[in-house]
Amino acid sequence: MQYISIDELGSLMGLSRHSIYRRRTYMPETVPPAIKIGGRLRWNADTVDEWLKAHEEKEETR
């Protein structure tokens, strides 16, 4: 199992560390779930991939 840091998550999502922390506090549904390892936030890489895929905008079919 591979875990990523807040900086790596920020790179994937195009967000700053500050934005991720604020979203976790005020809009937790807008970031993938995290876990604490050694007092630091980490994200399971597979969970992040699944979360991002589930939140992709779908093309509208006409």
PDB file of N, CA and C in Angstrom:
ATOM      1  N   MET A   1       0.846  -1.170   0.000  1.00  0.00           N
ATOM      2  CA  MET A   1       0.000   0.000   0.000  1.00  0.00           C
ATOM      3  C   MET A   1       0.898   1.241   0.000  1.00  0.00           C
ATOM      4  N   GLN A   2       0.594   2.167  -0.868  1.00  0.00           N
ATOM      5  CA  GLN A   2       1.389   3.394  -0.975  1.00  0.00           C
ATOM      6  C   GLN A   2       0.576   4.581  -0.468  1.00  0.00           C
ATOM      7  N   TYR A   3       1.235   5.433   0.297  1.00  0.00           N
ATOM      8  CA  TYR A   3       0.596   6.631   0.831  1.00  0.00           C
ATOM      9  C   TYR A   3       1.260   7.863   0.250  1.00  0.00           C
ATOM     10  N   ILE A   4       0.465   8.915   0.052  1.00  0.00           N
ATOM     11  CA  ILE A   4       1.008  10.161  -0.479  1.00  0.00           C
ATOM     12  C   ILE A   4       0.842  11.273   0.549  1.00  0.00           C
ATOM     13  N   SER A   5       1.671  12.280   0.416  1.00  0.00           N
ATOM     14  CA  SER A   5       1.668  13.412   1.344  1.00  0.00           C
ATOM     15  C   SER A   5       0.670  14.476   0.886  1.00  0.00           C
ATOM     16  N   ILE A   6       0.499  15.476   1.713  1.00  0.00           N
ATOM     17  CA  ILE A   6      -0.394  16.582   1.372  1.00  0.00           C
ATOM     18  C   ILE A   6       0.124  17.345   0.152  1.00  0.00           C
ATOM     19  N   ASP A   7       1.447  17.449   0.016  1.00  0.00           N
ATOM     20  CA  ASP A   7       2.006  18.132  -1.151  1.00  0.00           C
ATOM     21  C   ASP A   7       1.714  17.356  -2.437  1.00  0.00           C
ATOM     22  N   GLU A   8       1.815  16.030  -2.364  1.00  0.00           N
ATOM     23  CA  GLU A   8       1.511  15.208  -3.538  1.00  0.00           C
ATOM     24  C   GLU A   8       0.026  15.276  -3.882  1.00  0.00           C
ATOM     25  N   LEU A   9      -0.821  15.259  -2.869  1.00  0.00           N
ATOM     26  CA  LEU A   9      -2.257  15.398  -3.116  1.00  0.00           C
ATOM     27  C   LEU A   9      -2.553  16.757  -3.740  1.00  0.00           C
ATOM     28  N   GLY A  10      -1.916  17.792  -3.214  1.00  0.00           N
ATOM     29  CA  GLY A  10      -2.105  19.130  -3.770  1.00  0.00           C
ATOM     30  C   GLY A  10      -1.711  19.197  -5.238  1.00  0.00           C
ATOM     31  N   SER A  11      -0.627  18.542  -5.601  1.00  0.00           N
ATOM     32  CA  SER A  11      -0.196  18.516  -7.006  1.00  0.00           C
ATOM     33  C   SER A  11      -1.234  17.815  -7.879  1.00  0.00           C
ATOM     34  N   LEU A  12      -1.766  16.698  -7.381  1.00  0.00           N
ATOM     35  CA  LEU A  12      -2.777  15.960  -8.147  1.00  0.00           C
ATOM     36  C   LEU A  12      -4.059  16.760  -8.335  1.00  0.00           C
ATOM     37  N   MET A  13      -4.446  17.502  -7.298  1.00  0.00           N
ATOM     38  CA  MET A  13      -5.721  18.217  -7.329  1.00  0.00           C
ATOM     39  C   MET A  13      -5.590  19.679  -7.734  1.00  0.00           C
ATOM     40  N   GLY A  14      -4.365  20.172  -7.856  1.00  0.00           N
ATOM     41  CA  GLY A  14      -4.174  21.574  -8.209  1.00  0.00           C
ATOM     42  C   GLY A  14      -4.546  22.506  -7.067  1.00  0.00           C
ATOM     43  N   LEU A  15      -4.275  22.067  -5.830  1.00  0.00           N
ATOM     44  CA  LEU A  15      -4.620  22.844  -4.649  1.00  0.00           C
ATOM     45  C   LEU A  15      -3.386  23.071  -3.778  1.00  0.00           C
ATOM     46  N   SER A  16      -3.406  24.155  -3.024  1.00  0.00           N
ATOM     47  CA  SER A  16      -2.333  24.416  -2.061  1.00  0.00           C
ATOM     48  C   SER A  16      -2.582  23.610  -0.791  1.00  0.00           C
ATOM     49  N   ARG A  17      -1.545  23.505   0.032  1.00  0.00           N
ATOM     50  CA  ARG A  17      -1.682  22.846   1.341  1.00  0.00           C
ATOM     51  C   ARG A  17      -2.788  23.518   2.143  1.00  0.00           C
ATOM     52  N   HIS A  18      -2.772  24.839   2.140  1.00  0.00           N
ATOM     53  CA  HIS A  18      -3.767  25.611   2.889  1.00  0.00           C
ATOM     54  C   HIS A  18      -5.187  25.264   2.428  1.00  0.00           C
ATOM     55  N   SER A  19      -5.384  25.172   1.117  1.00  0.00           N
ATOM     56  CA  SER A  19      -6.716  24.850   0.585  1.00  0.00           C
ATOM     57  C   SER A  19      -7.163  23.464   1.019  1.00  0.00           C
ATOM     58  N   ILE A  20      -6.254  22.507   1.022  1.00  0.00           N
ATOM     59  CA  ILE A  20      -6.615  21.156   1.449  1.00  0.00           C
ATOM     60  C   ILE A  20      -7.007  21.150   2.919  1.00  0.00           C
ATOM     61  N   TYR A  21      -6.209  21.815   3.769  1.00  0.00           N
ATOM     62  CA  TYR A  21      -6.549  21.887   5.193  1.00  0.00           C
ATOM     63  C   TYR A  21      -7.917  22.552   5.403  1.00  0.00           C
ATOM     64  N   ARG A  22      -8.180  23.646   4.705  1.00  0.00           N
ATOM     65  CA  ARG A  22      -9.473  24.346   4.857  1.00  0.00           C
ATOM     66  C   ARG A  22     -10.625  23.474   4.382  1.00  0.00           C
ATOM     67  N   ARG A  23     -10.429  22.812   3.238  1.00  0.00           N
ATOM     68  CA  ARG A  23     -11.494  21.943   2.735  1.00  0.00           C
ATOM     69  C   ARG A  23     -11.766  20.793   3.693  1.00  0.00           C
ATOM     70  N   ARG A  24     -10.716  20.218   4.280  1.00  0.00           N
ATOM     71  CA  ARG A  24     -10.906  19.126   5.253  1.00  0.00           C
ATOM     72  C   ARG A  24     -11.745  19.590   6.434  1.00  0.00           C
ATOM     73  N   THR A  25     -11.580  20.845   6.828  1.00  0.00           N
ATOM     74  CA  THR A  25     -12.299  21.387   7.977  1.00  0.00           C
ATOM     75  C   THR A  25     -13.721  21.811   7.618  1.00  0.00           C
ATOM     76  N   TYR A  26     -13.874  22.556   6.535  1.00  0.00           N
ATOM     77  CA  TYR A  26     -15.161  23.184   6.226  1.00  0.00           C
ATOM     78  C   TYR A  26     -15.971  22.497   5.127  1.00  0.00           C
ATOM     79  N   MET A  27     -15.305  21.752   4.249  1.00  0.00           N
ATOM     80  CA  MET A  27     -15.998  21.055   3.156  1.00  0.00           C
ATOM     81  C   MET A  27     -15.352  19.689   2.931  1.00  0.00           C
ATOM     82  N   PRO A  28     -15.421  18.793   3.919  1.00  0.00           N
ATOM     83  CA  PRO A  28     -14.682  17.535   3.821  1.00  0.00           C
ATOM     84  C   PRO A  28     -15.061  16.664   2.627  1.00  0.00           C
ATOM     85  N   GLU A  29     -16.247  16.874   2.083  1.00  0.00           N
ATOM     86  CA  GLU A  29     -16.655  16.085   0.918  1.00  0.00           C
ATOM     87  C   GLU A  29     -15.884  16.460  -0.349  1.00  0.00           C
ATOM     88  N   THR A  30     -15.111  17.556  -0.309  1.00  0.00           N
ATOM     89  CA  THR A  30     -14.396  18.027  -1.501  1.00  0.00           C
ATOM     90  C   THR A  30     -12.941  17.556  -1.569  1.00  0.00           C
ATOM     91  N   VAL A  31     -12.537  16.710  -0.623  1.00  0.00           N
ATOM     92  CA  VAL A  31     -11.193  16.111  -0.666  1.00  0.00           C
ATOM     93  C   VAL A  31     -11.304  14.643  -0.268  1.00  0.00           C
ATOM     94  N   PRO A  32     -10.389  13.806  -0.773  1.00  0.00           N
ATOM     95  CA  PRO A  32     -10.426  12.390  -0.392  1.00  0.00           C
ATOM     96  C   PRO A  32     -10.172  12.218   1.104  1.00  0.00           C
ATOM     97  N   PRO A  33     -10.653  11.110   1.677  1.00  0.00           N
ATOM     98  CA  PRO A  33     -10.425  10.859   3.101  1.00  0.00           C
ATOM     99  C   PRO A  33      -8.942  10.593   3.381  1.00  0.00           C
ATOM    100  N   ALA A  34      -8.476  11.097   4.512  1.00  0.00           N
ATOM    101  CA  ALA A  34      -7.068  10.951   4.904  1.00  0.00           C
ATOM    102  C   ALA A  34      -6.963  10.066   6.136  1.00  0.00           C
ATOM    103  N   ILE A  35      -5.742   9.659   6.416  1.00  0.00           N
ATOM    104  CA  ILE A  35      -5.446   8.972   7.664  1.00  0.00           C
ATOM    105  C   ILE A  35      -4.233   9.657   8.274  1.00  0.00           C
ATOM    106  N   LYS A  36      -4.069   9.486   9.574  1.00  0.00           N
ATOM    107  CA  LYS A  36      -2.886  10.039  10.233  1.00  0.00           C
ATOM    108  C   LYS A  36      -1.895   8.922  10.482  1.00  0.00           C
ATOM    109  N   ILE A  37      -0.672   9.138  10.047  1.00  0.00           N
ATOM    110  CA  ILE A  37       0.424   8.209  10.290  1.00  0.00           C
ATOM    111  C   ILE A  37       1.528   9.016  10.949  1.00  0.00           C
ATOM    112  N   GLY A  38       1.871   8.653  12.155  1.00  0.00           N
ATOM    113  CA  GLY A  38       2.903   9.395  12.878  1.00  0.00           C
ATOM    114  C   GLY A  38       2.559  10.851  13.084  1.00  0.00           C
ATOM    115  N   GLY A  39       1.260  11.149  13.253  1.00  0.00           N
ATOM    116  CA  GLY A  39       0.822  12.517  13.476  1.00  0.00           C
ATOM    117  C   GLY A  39       0.716  13.363  12.220  1.00  0.00           C
ATOM    118  N   ARG A  40       0.988  12.779  11.070  1.00  0.00           N
ATOM    119  CA  ARG A  40       0.894  13.519   9.797  1.00  0.00           C
ATOM    120  C   ARG A  40      -0.211  12.931   8.924  1.00  0.00           C
ATOM    121  N   LEU A  41      -0.848  13.811   8.173  1.00  0.00           N
ATOM    122  CA  LEU A  41      -1.880  13.349   7.251  1.00  0.00           C
ATOM    123  C   LEU A  41      -1.251  12.650   6.062  1.00  0.00           C
ATOM    124  N   ARG A  42      -1.840  11.532   5.685  1.00  0.00           N
ATOM    125  CA  ARG A  42      -1.427  10.789   4.499  1.00  0.00           C
ATOM    126  C   ARG A  42      -2.689  10.293   3.803  1.00  0.00           C
ATOM    127  N   TRP A  43      -2.565  10.057   2.516  1.00  0.00           N
ATOM    128  CA  TRP A  43      -3.671   9.551   1.711  1.00  0.00           C
ATOM    129  C   TRP A  43      -3.240   8.274   1.023  1.00  0.00           C
ATOM    130  N   ASN A  44      -4.100   7.278   1.067  1.00  0.00           N
ATOM    131  CA  ASN A  44      -3.849   6.040   0.352  1.00  0.00           C
ATOM    132  C   ASN A  44      -3.967   6.357  -1.143  1.00  0.00           C
ATOM    133  N   ALA A  45      -2.918   6.057  -1.894  1.00  0.00           N
ATOM    134  CA  ALA A  45      -2.886   6.412  -3.320  1.00  0.00           C
ATOM    135  C   ALA A  45      -4.039   5.778  -4.087  1.00  0.00           C
ATOM    136  N   ASP A  46      -4.379   4.526  -3.775  1.00  0.00           N
ATOM    137  CA  ASP A  46      -5.493   3.864  -4.461  1.00  0.00           C
ATOM    138  C   ASP A  46      -6.827   4.534  -4.145  1.00  0.00           C
ATOM    139  N   THR A  47      -7.015   4.924  -2.890  1.00  0.00           N
ATOM    140  CA  THR A  47      -8.246   5.606  -2.483  1.00  0.00           C
ATOM    141  C   THR A  47      -8.365   6.951  -3.186  1.00  0.00           C
ATOM    142  N   VAL A  48      -7.251   7.674  -3.310  1.00  0.00           N
ATOM    143  CA  VAL A  48      -7.265   8.967  -4.009  1.00  0.00           C
ATOM    144  C   VAL A  48      -7.640   8.772  -5.472  1.00  0.00           C
ATOM    145  N   ASP A  49      -7.052   7.776  -6.126  1.00  0.00           N
ATOM    146  CA  ASP A  49      -7.387   7.502  -7.532  1.00  0.00           C
ATOM    147  C   ASP A  49      -8.869   7.204  -7.694  1.00  0.00           C
ATOM    148  N   GLU A  50      -9.409   6.353  -6.815  1.00  0.00           N
ATOM    149  CA  GLU A  50     -10.830   6.008  -6.880  1.00  0.00           C
ATOM    150  C   GLU A  50     -11.704   7.237  -6.623  1.00  0.00           C
ATOM    151  N   TRP A  51     -11.324   8.045  -5.640  1.00  0.00           N
ATOM    152  CA  TRP A  51     -12.093   9.236  -5.294  1.00  0.00           C
ATOM    153  C   TRP A  51     -12.102  10.208  -6.473  1.00  0.00           C
ATOM    154  N   LEU A  52     -10.941  10.419  -7.082  1.00  0.00           N
ATOM    155  CA  LEU A  52     -10.862  11.341  -8.218  1.00  0.00           C
ATOM    156  C   LEU A  52     -11.703  10.846  -9.387  1.00  0.00           C
ATOM    157  N   LYS A  53     -11.657   9.543  -9.671  1.00  0.00           N
ATOM    158  CA  LYS A  53     -12.467   8.980 -10.763  1.00  0.00           C
ATOM    159  C   LYS A  53     -13.955   9.147 -10.476  1.00  0.00           C
ATOM    160  N   ALA A  54     -14.346   8.938  -9.235  1.00  0.00           N
ATOM    161  CA  ALA A  54     -15.757   9.063  -8.859  1.00  0.00           C
ATOM    162  C   ALA A  54     -16.247  10.505  -8.943  1.00  0.00           C
ATOM    163  N   HIS A  55     -15.326  11.464  -8.873  1.00  0.00           N
ATOM    164  CA  HIS A  55     -15.707  12.874  -8.898  1.00  0.00           C
ATOM    165  C   HIS A  55     -15.408  13.564 -10.231  1.00  0.00           C
ATOM    166  N   GLU A  56     -15.067  12.775 -11.237  1.00  0.00           N
ATOM    167  CA  GLU A  56     -14.862  13.367 -12.575  1.00  0.00           C
ATOM    168  C   GLU A  56     -16.193  13.876 -13.094  1.00  0.00           C
ATOM    169  N   GLU A  57     -16.119  14.971 -13.817  1.00  0.00           N
ATOM    170  CA  GLU A  57     -17.334  15.449 -14.488  1.00  0.00           C
ATOM    171  C   GLU A  57     -17.590  14.535 -15.670  1.00  0.00           C
ATOM    172  N   LYS A  58     -18.828  14.147 -15.806  1.00  0.00           N
ATOM    173  CA  LYS A  58     -19.210  13.281 -16.912  1.00  0.00           C
ATOM    174  C   LYS A  58     -19.642  14.132 -18.088  1.00  0.00           C
ATOM    175  N   GLU A  59     -19.246  13.692 -19.278  1.00  0.00           N
ATOM    176  CA  GLU A  59     -19.695  14.409 -20.478  1.00  0.00           C
ATOM    177  C   GLU A  59     -21.183  14.182 -20.664  1.00  0.00           C
ATOM    178  N   GLU A  60     -21.845  15.250 -20.990  1.00  0.00           N
ATOM    179  CA  GLU A  60     -23.279  15.121 -21.242  1.00  0.00           C
ATOM    180  C   GLU A  60     -23.481  14.594 -22.643  1.00  0.00           C
ATOM    181  N   THR A  61     -24.357  13.628 -22.786  1.00  0.00           N
ATOM    182  CA  THR A  61     -24.695  13.113 -24.114  1.00  0.00           C
ATOM    183  C   THR A  61     -25.933  13.843 -24.586  1.00  0.00           C
ATOM    184  N   ARG A  62     -25.926  14.154 -25.833  1.00  0.00           N
ATOM    185  CA  ARG A  62     -27.056  14.916 -26.394  1.00  0.00           C
ATOM    186  C   ARG A  62     -27.984  14.015 -27.135  1.00  0.00           C
TER     187      ARG A  62
END
